[in-house]
């Protein structure tokens, strides 16, 4: 599974694995892919530095990258407290009502709310980058399009390629104009924030739009055969995220959530604004149903929604309240039905890729 891009980056397989877990990212890199650590959950620079130190020790001097959530435009002088004050009281009452309906216990006294979606804020993202540029990362990816121009220049000054996710050819052209090196064509099937166009349609459109920039196909990809399809559509690699959630190295902190993922089919996800305020594919739960109910107050725009539900999500996850328990995940969840090591996943991917190539060769009369 080698391409011009994977050769340029010095990796065996053109498989880019996004994950919030350092152990998974390192295992992806050691297995011959390109591990990309998600930074959005790191609000303290020391925490990110700690995990990048760990990555350095467990990647055998092989390349890896970092994924941030950074807006291309800057809002001056806005603090998290300012944003919190914008949340309507009625929405807070709605959250309290859902939690009461399902008897969700509070957090323990002194226990802080877990992950809050603050990585989108200018000052938080820049502190992450201040840390990251002290490490030999080879790729900086941004989930909200191209980073600000000065960040792109700074990455290039460090010899770091910059990637950005695109949900349409129009977005991809904007990324190219901003000096991005790699465009990730993320289709409708993908987990997390995603657009309206399916991967099979989106990938060749983006390839044509940004040529000669390399494109990674993303969304609904979880087998070697699908990787072969992505490369056949013109991509120079694939970007996989959901597939790693049920690996042995992943740290979901919830056996119930892992069990839900293993049992889910491809129709058990929904694009909902319930998590962040932007459409994000995730497991369908009583929580997403409540927010998508037309009789409810509706979700707030990003980042208000993420701040509104942060503590509630922490309580749901901490107490493993099964009807409400969910996570961002793509439609490929239907293939994630066993817990395996990252290396075992790669073994399956390479075998499936070889089967696909053999099949095409037979069809073409080359075998």
Protein backbone atom coordinates (compact mmCIF):
# COMPACT_ATOMS: atom_id res chain seq x y z
CA UNK A 1 0.00 0.00 0.00
CA UNK A 2 2.69 2.43 -1.09
CA UNK A 3 2.25 5.67 -2.99
CA UNK A 4 4.36 8.67 -3.89
CA UNK A 5 3.15 10.39 -0.71
CA UNK A 6 3.89 7.48 1.62
CA UNK A 7 7.35 7.12 0.10
CA UNK A 8 8.01 10.84 0.57
CA UNK A 9 7.02 10.57 4.24
CA UNK A 10 9.02 7.40 4.77
CA UNK A 11 6.16 5.09 5.77
CA UNK A 12 5.48 1.56 4.56
CA UNK A 13 1.73 1.93 4.05
CA UNK A 14 -0.24 4.94 2.84
CA UNK A 15 -2.57 4.61 5.83
CA UNK A 16 -2.94 7.68 8.03
CA UNK A 17 -4.54 6.84 11.35
CA UNK A 18 -6.19 9.60 13.38
CA UNK A 19 -6.80 8.85 17.07
CA UNK A 20 -7.03 10.67 20.42
CA UNK A 21 -4.99 7.90 22.07
CA UNK A 22 -1.16 8.11 22.07
CA UNK A 23 -0.82 4.32 22.38
CA UNK A 24 -2.92 3.83 19.25
CA UNK A 25 -1.09 6.53 17.28
CA UNK A 26 2.27 5.03 18.18
CA UNK A 27 1.09 1.52 17.30
CA UNK A 28 -0.15 2.74 13.90
CA UNK A 29 3.27 4.21 13.17
CA UNK A 30 5.08 1.07 14.34
CA UNK A 31 2.80 -1.08 12.14
CA UNK A 32 3.97 0.82 9.07
CA UNK A 33 1.29 3.49 8.85
CA UNK A 34 1.32 7.14 9.86
CA UNK A 35 -0.10 7.79 13.33
CA UNK A 36 -1.79 11.16 13.90
CA UNK A 37 -2.53 12.16 17.49
CA UNK A 38 -5.64 14.29 18.06
CA UNK A 39 -4.80 17.33 20.21
CA UNK A 40 -8.23 18.86 20.85
CA UNK A 41 -8.62 17.31 24.30
CA UNK A 42 -5.35 18.77 25.59
CA UNK A 43 -6.06 22.04 27.38
CA UNK A 44 -2.82 22.11 29.39
CA UNK A 45 0.48 22.32 27.48
CA UNK A 46 2.14 19.99 29.94
CA UNK A 47 -0.32 17.20 29.18
CA UNK A 48 0.40 17.36 25.45
CA UNK A 49 4.15 17.51 26.08
CA UNK A 50 3.89 14.44 28.32
CA UNK A 51 2.15 12.41 25.62
CA UNK A 52 4.44 13.61 22.84
CA UNK A 53 7.39 12.58 25.02
CA UNK A 54 5.75 9.17 25.25
CA UNK A 55 5.22 9.08 21.47
CA UNK A 56 8.89 9.83 20.95
CA UNK A 57 9.82 6.84 23.07
CA UNK A 58 7.39 4.43 21.38
CA UNK A 59 7.54 5.19 17.66
CA UNK A 60 10.99 3.76 16.89
CA UNK A 61 12.06 7.08 15.30
CA UNK A 62 9.37 6.62 12.65
CA UNK A 63 7.18 9.55 11.52
CA UNK A 64 3.95 10.68 13.15
CA UNK A 65 1.77 13.79 13.18
CA UNK A 66 -0.63 15.94 15.17
CA UNK A 67 -4.24 16.93 14.49
CA UNK A 68 -5.60 20.22 15.86
CA UNK A 69 -8.97 21.95 15.68
CA UNK A 70 -8.15 25.52 14.77
CA UNK A 71 -10.32 28.10 12.99
CA UNK A 72 -8.79 29.90 10.05
CA UNK A 73 -10.07 33.24 11.37
CA UNK A 74 -9.28 34.74 14.76
CA UNK A 75 -11.75 36.25 17.22
CA UNK A 76 -9.98 38.78 19.41
CA UNK A 77 -10.48 39.04 23.16
CA UNK A 78 -13.06 36.29 23.61
CA UNK A 79 -12.59 34.02 26.62
CA UNK A 80 -14.27 30.73 27.50
CA UNK A 81 -16.22 32.56 30.22
CA UNK A 82 -17.50 35.03 27.62
CA UNK A 83 -18.76 32.17 25.49
CA UNK A 84 -20.34 30.38 28.47
CA UNK A 85 -22.35 33.52 29.20
CA UNK A 86 -23.96 33.27 25.76
CA UNK A 87 -25.68 29.95 26.53
CA UNK A 88 -29.45 30.46 27.06
CA UNK A 89 -30.82 29.30 30.43
CA UNK A 90 -33.51 27.26 28.64
CA UNK A 91 -30.87 25.06 27.04
CA UNK A 92 -29.27 24.44 30.42
CA UNK A 93 -32.67 23.39 31.79
CA UNK A 94 -33.12 21.05 28.83
CA UNK A 95 -29.80 19.33 29.61
CA UNK A 96 -30.77 19.03 33.28
CA UNK A 97 -34.07 17.45 32.24
CA UNK A 98 -32.41 14.74 30.13
CA UNK A 99 -29.99 13.90 32.92
CA UNK A 100 -32.83 13.71 35.45
CA UNK A 101 -34.94 11.51 33.17
CA UNK A 102 -32.17 8.91 32.99
CA UNK A 103 -31.06 9.30 36.64
CA UNK A 104 -27.54 10.35 35.73
CA UNK A 105 -25.60 10.89 38.99
CA UNK A 106 -23.54 14.07 39.44
CA UNK A 107 -19.78 14.08 39.40
CA UNK A 108 -18.11 13.41 42.70
CA UNK A 109 -17.31 16.46 44.87
CA UNK A 110 -14.19 18.11 43.51
CA UNK A 111 -14.21 16.00 40.36
CA UNK A 112 -13.64 18.23 37.36
CA UNK A 113 -15.64 17.94 34.19
CA UNK A 114 -13.70 16.01 31.61
CA UNK A 115 -12.90 16.95 28.03
CA UNK A 116 -14.28 20.33 27.00
CA UNK A 117 -14.27 21.52 23.42
CA UNK A 118 -11.87 24.41 23.91
CA UNK A 119 -9.21 23.39 21.38
CA UNK A 120 -11.11 25.47 18.81
CA UNK A 121 -10.15 28.63 20.66
CA UNK A 122 -7.24 30.62 19.27
CA UNK A 123 -5.18 30.74 22.45
CA UNK A 124 -5.60 27.03 23.25
CA UNK A 125 -4.71 25.86 19.75
CA UNK A 126 -1.65 28.08 19.66
CA UNK A 127 -0.35 26.76 22.97
CA UNK A 128 -0.71 23.25 21.53
CA UNK A 129 1.35 24.28 18.52
CA UNK A 130 3.99 25.93 20.70
CA UNK A 131 4.49 22.53 22.29
CA UNK A 132 4.20 20.47 19.10
CA UNK A 133 6.80 22.42 17.14
CA UNK A 134 9.40 21.38 19.71
CA UNK A 135 8.93 17.77 18.54
CA UNK A 136 9.86 16.17 15.20
CA UNK A 137 6.28 15.83 13.95
CA UNK A 138 6.03 15.39 10.17
CA UNK A 139 2.41 16.42 9.64
CA UNK A 140 0.07 19.02 11.09
CA UNK A 141 -3.57 18.34 10.25
CA UNK A 142 -6.46 20.69 10.93
CA UNK A 143 -10.05 19.51 11.21
CA UNK A 144 -11.57 22.95 10.51
CA UNK A 145 -9.94 23.66 7.18
CA UNK A 146 -6.61 25.44 6.73
CA UNK A 147 -4.99 26.93 9.83
CA UNK A 148 -4.24 30.67 9.86
CA UNK A 149 -1.57 31.68 7.31
CA UNK A 150 1.09 32.31 9.93
CA UNK A 151 0.62 28.79 11.30
CA UNK A 152 1.00 27.29 7.82
CA UNK A 153 4.21 29.31 7.34
CA UNK A 154 5.51 28.28 10.74
CA UNK A 155 4.87 24.59 10.01
CA UNK A 156 6.62 24.87 6.66
CA UNK A 157 9.57 26.60 8.32
CA UNK A 158 9.88 23.49 10.51
CA UNK A 159 9.69 21.19 7.48
CA UNK A 160 6.22 19.99 8.47
CA UNK A 161 3.55 19.24 5.88
CA UNK A 162 0.10 20.68 6.55
CA UNK A 163 -3.13 18.79 5.87
CA UNK A 164 -6.72 19.98 6.06
CA UNK A 165 -10.04 18.14 5.88
CA UNK A 166 -12.46 19.03 3.10
CA UNK A 167 -16.08 18.00 2.62
CA UNK A 168 -16.52 19.47 -0.86
CA UNK A 169 -14.42 20.39 -3.90
CA UNK A 170 -15.04 24.06 -3.06
CA UNK A 171 -13.47 23.57 0.37
CA UNK A 172 -10.56 21.72 -1.20
CA UNK A 173 -9.84 24.56 -3.63
CA UNK A 174 -9.83 26.98 -0.69
CA UNK A 175 -7.31 24.74 1.08
CA UNK A 176 -5.06 24.65 -1.98
CA UNK A 177 -5.12 28.45 -2.23
CA UNK A 178 -4.15 28.65 1.45
CA UNK A 179 -0.94 26.68 0.84
CA UNK A 180 -2.05 23.34 2.26
CA UNK A 181 0.14 20.37 1.25
CA UNK A 182 -2.35 17.50 1.64
CA UNK A 183 -6.14 17.54 1.33
CA UNK A 184 -8.20 14.97 3.23
CA UNK A 185 -11.41 14.32 1.28
CA UNK A 186 -13.75 13.35 4.10
CA UNK A 187 -17.02 11.83 2.95
CA UNK A 188 -20.47 11.73 4.51
CA UNK A 189 -19.87 8.26 5.99
CA UNK A 190 -17.10 9.48 8.28
CA UNK A 191 -17.26 9.76 12.05
CA UNK A 192 -17.12 13.17 13.67
CA UNK A 193 -17.64 16.41 11.76
CA UNK A 194 -18.53 15.60 8.18
CA UNK A 195 -20.28 17.08 5.18
CA UNK A 196 -23.00 15.99 2.76
CA UNK A 197 -21.07 14.24 -0.05
CA UNK A 198 -20.26 10.52 0.01
CA UNK A 199 -16.64 9.38 -0.20
CA UNK A 200 -17.03 7.57 -3.54
CA UNK A 201 -18.24 10.79 -5.15
CA UNK A 202 -16.12 13.25 -3.18
CA UNK A 203 -12.67 11.69 -3.61
CA UNK A 204 -12.29 11.93 -7.41
CA UNK A 205 -13.87 15.39 -7.38
CA UNK A 206 -11.30 16.64 -4.88
CA UNK A 207 -8.45 14.87 -6.69
CA UNK A 208 -9.36 16.73 -9.89
CA UNK A 209 -9.88 20.04 -8.09
CA UNK A 210 -6.51 20.24 -6.32
CA UNK A 211 -4.23 18.37 -8.72
CA UNK A 212 -1.27 17.96 -8.29
CA UNK A 213 -1.68 18.11 -4.48
CA UNK A 214 -1.95 14.68 -2.86
CA UNK A 215 -5.38 13.69 -1.54
CA UNK A 216 -6.28 11.24 1.23
CA UNK A 217 -9.64 9.48 1.02
CA UNK A 218 -11.62 9.40 4.28
CA UNK A 219 -15.02 8.23 5.41
CA UNK A 220 -16.40 4.69 5.55
CA UNK A 221 -13.00 3.10 4.93
CA UNK A 222 -12.04 0.15 7.09
CA UNK A 223 -10.92 -2.70 4.81
CA UNK A 224 -8.05 -3.27 2.44
CA UNK A 225 -10.49 -3.50 -0.44
CA UNK A 226 -11.78 -0.02 0.41
CA UNK A 227 -8.22 1.29 0.55
CA UNK A 228 -7.66 -0.08 -2.94
CA UNK A 229 -10.84 1.66 -4.07
CA UNK A 230 -9.63 4.96 -2.62
CA UNK A 231 -6.31 4.69 -4.44
CA UNK A 232 -8.14 3.72 -7.65
CA UNK A 233 -10.12 6.96 -7.35
CA UNK A 234 -6.88 8.94 -7.37
CA UNK A 235 -6.11 9.30 -3.68
CA UNK A 236 -2.52 8.85 -2.52
CA UNK A 237 -3.56 7.34 0.78
CA UNK A 238 -6.43 6.94 3.21
CA UNK A 239 -7.32 8.66 6.49
CA UNK A 240 -8.84 6.27 9.03
CA UNK A 241 -10.26 7.26 12.40
CA UNK A 242 -13.21 5.19 13.60
CA UNK A 243 -11.52 1.85 12.95
CA UNK A 244 -9.10 2.29 15.85
CA UNK A 245 -11.74 2.81 18.56
CA UNK A 246 -12.13 -0.92 19.22
CA UNK A 247 -8.44 -1.79 19.10
CA UNK A 248 -6.79 -3.24 22.17
CA UNK A 249 -4.60 -0.16 22.53
CA UNK A 250 -7.56 2.26 22.64
CA UNK A 251 -8.50 3.69 26.02
CA UNK A 252 -12.23 4.42 25.98
CA UNK A 253 -12.51 3.97 29.77
CA UNK A 254 -15.85 2.20 29.27
CA UNK A 255 -16.52 -1.45 28.62
CA UNK A 256 -20.16 -0.61 27.99
CA UNK A 257 -19.23 1.84 25.24
CA UNK A 258 -16.86 -0.66 23.67
CA UNK A 259 -19.64 -3.25 23.75
CA UNK A 260 -22.02 -0.81 22.04
CA UNK A 261 -19.49 -0.18 19.28
CA UNK A 262 -18.86 -3.89 18.76
CA UNK A 263 -22.61 -4.57 18.51
CA UNK A 264 -23.48 -1.62 16.26
CA UNK A 265 -24.33 -1.93 12.60
CA UNK A 266 -23.71 0.60 9.81
CA UNK A 267 -27.20 2.03 10.33
CA UNK A 268 -26.68 2.74 14.03
CA UNK A 269 -25.02 6.13 13.56
CA UNK A 270 -26.54 9.56 12.98
CA UNK A 271 -25.29 12.98 11.91
CA UNK A 272 -26.25 15.20 14.81
CA UNK A 273 -25.31 18.60 16.17
CA UNK A 274 -25.78 17.31 19.73
CA UNK A 275 -22.06 17.07 20.54
CA UNK A 276 -20.52 20.27 19.20
CA UNK A 277 -23.14 22.28 17.34
CA UNK A 278 -21.78 21.21 13.94
CA UNK A 279 -23.06 18.07 12.17
CA UNK A 280 -21.01 15.16 13.50
CA UNK A 281 -21.60 11.47 12.87
CA UNK A 282 -21.86 9.48 16.10
CA UNK A 283 -23.62 6.52 17.65
CA UNK A 284 -27.35 7.08 17.77
CA UNK A 285 -28.46 7.21 21.41
CA UNK A 286 -31.26 8.55 23.55
CA UNK A 287 -29.08 11.65 23.91
CA UNK A 288 -28.92 12.34 20.15
CA UNK A 289 -32.62 11.54 19.80
CA UNK A 290 -33.48 14.11 22.47
CA UNK A 291 -31.50 16.85 20.75
CA UNK A 292 -32.88 16.02 17.32
CA UNK A 293 -36.49 16.01 18.58
CA UNK A 294 -38.33 18.92 16.88
CA UNK A 295 -40.12 19.60 20.18
CA UNK A 296 -36.81 20.37 21.88
CA UNK A 297 -34.97 23.72 21.94
CA UNK A 298 -32.56 22.72 19.18
CA UNK A 299 -28.80 22.73 19.36
CA UNK A 300 -26.64 25.81 19.70
CA UNK A 301 -23.93 26.79 17.22
CA UNK A 302 -20.34 25.73 17.77
CA UNK A 303 -18.73 26.25 20.30
CA UNK A 304 -21.74 26.98 22.54
CA UNK A 305 -23.17 23.48 22.23
CA UNK A 306 -19.89 21.81 23.14
CA UNK A 307 -19.47 23.93 26.24
CA UNK A 308 -23.12 23.42 27.20
CA UNK A 309 -22.96 19.62 27.16
CA UNK A 310 -19.38 19.10 28.39
CA UNK A 311 -20.24 18.33 32.01
CA UNK A 312 -23.27 16.25 31.01
CA UNK A 313 -21.13 14.13 28.71
CA UNK A 314 -18.59 13.69 31.50
CA UNK A 315 -21.32 12.49 33.85
CA UNK A 316 -22.75 10.10 31.26
CA UNK A 317 -19.34 8.63 30.52
CA UNK A 318 -18.20 8.54 34.15
CA UNK A 319 -21.29 6.59 35.23
CA UNK A 320 -21.67 4.65 31.96
CA UNK A 321 -25.36 5.48 31.55
CA UNK A 322 -25.99 3.05 28.71
CA UNK A 323 -28.99 4.67 26.93
CA UNK A 324 -27.11 7.98 26.63
CA UNK A 325 -23.61 6.59 26.14
CA UNK A 326 -22.13 7.33 22.72
CA UNK A 327 -19.11 8.55 20.78
CA UNK A 328 -18.27 9.97 17.37
CA UNK A 329 -17.93 7.06 14.94
CA UNK A 330 -18.46 6.47 11.24
CA UNK A 331 -20.65 4.03 9.36
CA UNK A 332 -17.71 1.61 9.21
CA UNK A 333 -18.68 0.71 12.80
CA UNK A 334 -20.56 -2.25 11.32
CA UNK A 335 -17.21 -3.86 10.51
CA UNK A 336 -15.76 -3.17 13.97
CA UNK A 337 -17.11 -6.30 15.63
CA UNK A 338 -14.03 -7.69 17.40
CA UNK A 339 -11.32 -6.22 19.60
CA UNK A 340 -7.95 -6.58 17.89
CA UNK A 341 -4.50 -5.08 18.18
CA UNK A 342 -3.52 -2.30 15.81
CA UNK A 343 -1.04 -4.69 14.20
CA UNK A 344 -3.82 -7.24 13.60
CA UNK A 345 -5.90 -4.52 11.94
CA UNK A 346 -2.99 -3.70 9.64
CA UNK A 347 -2.54 -7.38 8.82
CA UNK A 348 -6.19 -7.54 7.74
CA UNK A 349 -5.87 -4.32 5.75
CA UNK A 350 -2.86 -5.56 3.81
CA UNK A 351 -4.49 -8.94 3.09
CA UNK A 352 -7.66 -7.24 1.87
CA UNK A 353 -5.65 -4.85 -0.29
CA UNK A 354 -3.81 -7.77 -1.88
CA UNK A 355 -7.12 -9.55 -2.57
CA UNK A 356 -8.49 -6.45 -4.27
CA UNK A 357 -5.41 -5.99 -6.45
CA UNK A 358 -5.44 -9.69 -7.42
CA UNK A 359 -9.13 -9.39 -8.34
CA UNK A 360 -8.54 -6.35 -10.53
CA UNK A 361 -5.57 -8.04 -12.19
CA UNK A 362 -7.75 -11.05 -13.04
CA UNK A 363 -10.46 -8.80 -14.46
CA UNK A 364 -7.83 -7.01 -16.56
CA UNK A 365 -6.38 -10.31 -17.75
CA UNK A 366 -3.02 -9.75 -16.04
CA UNK A 367 -3.21 -12.75 -13.71
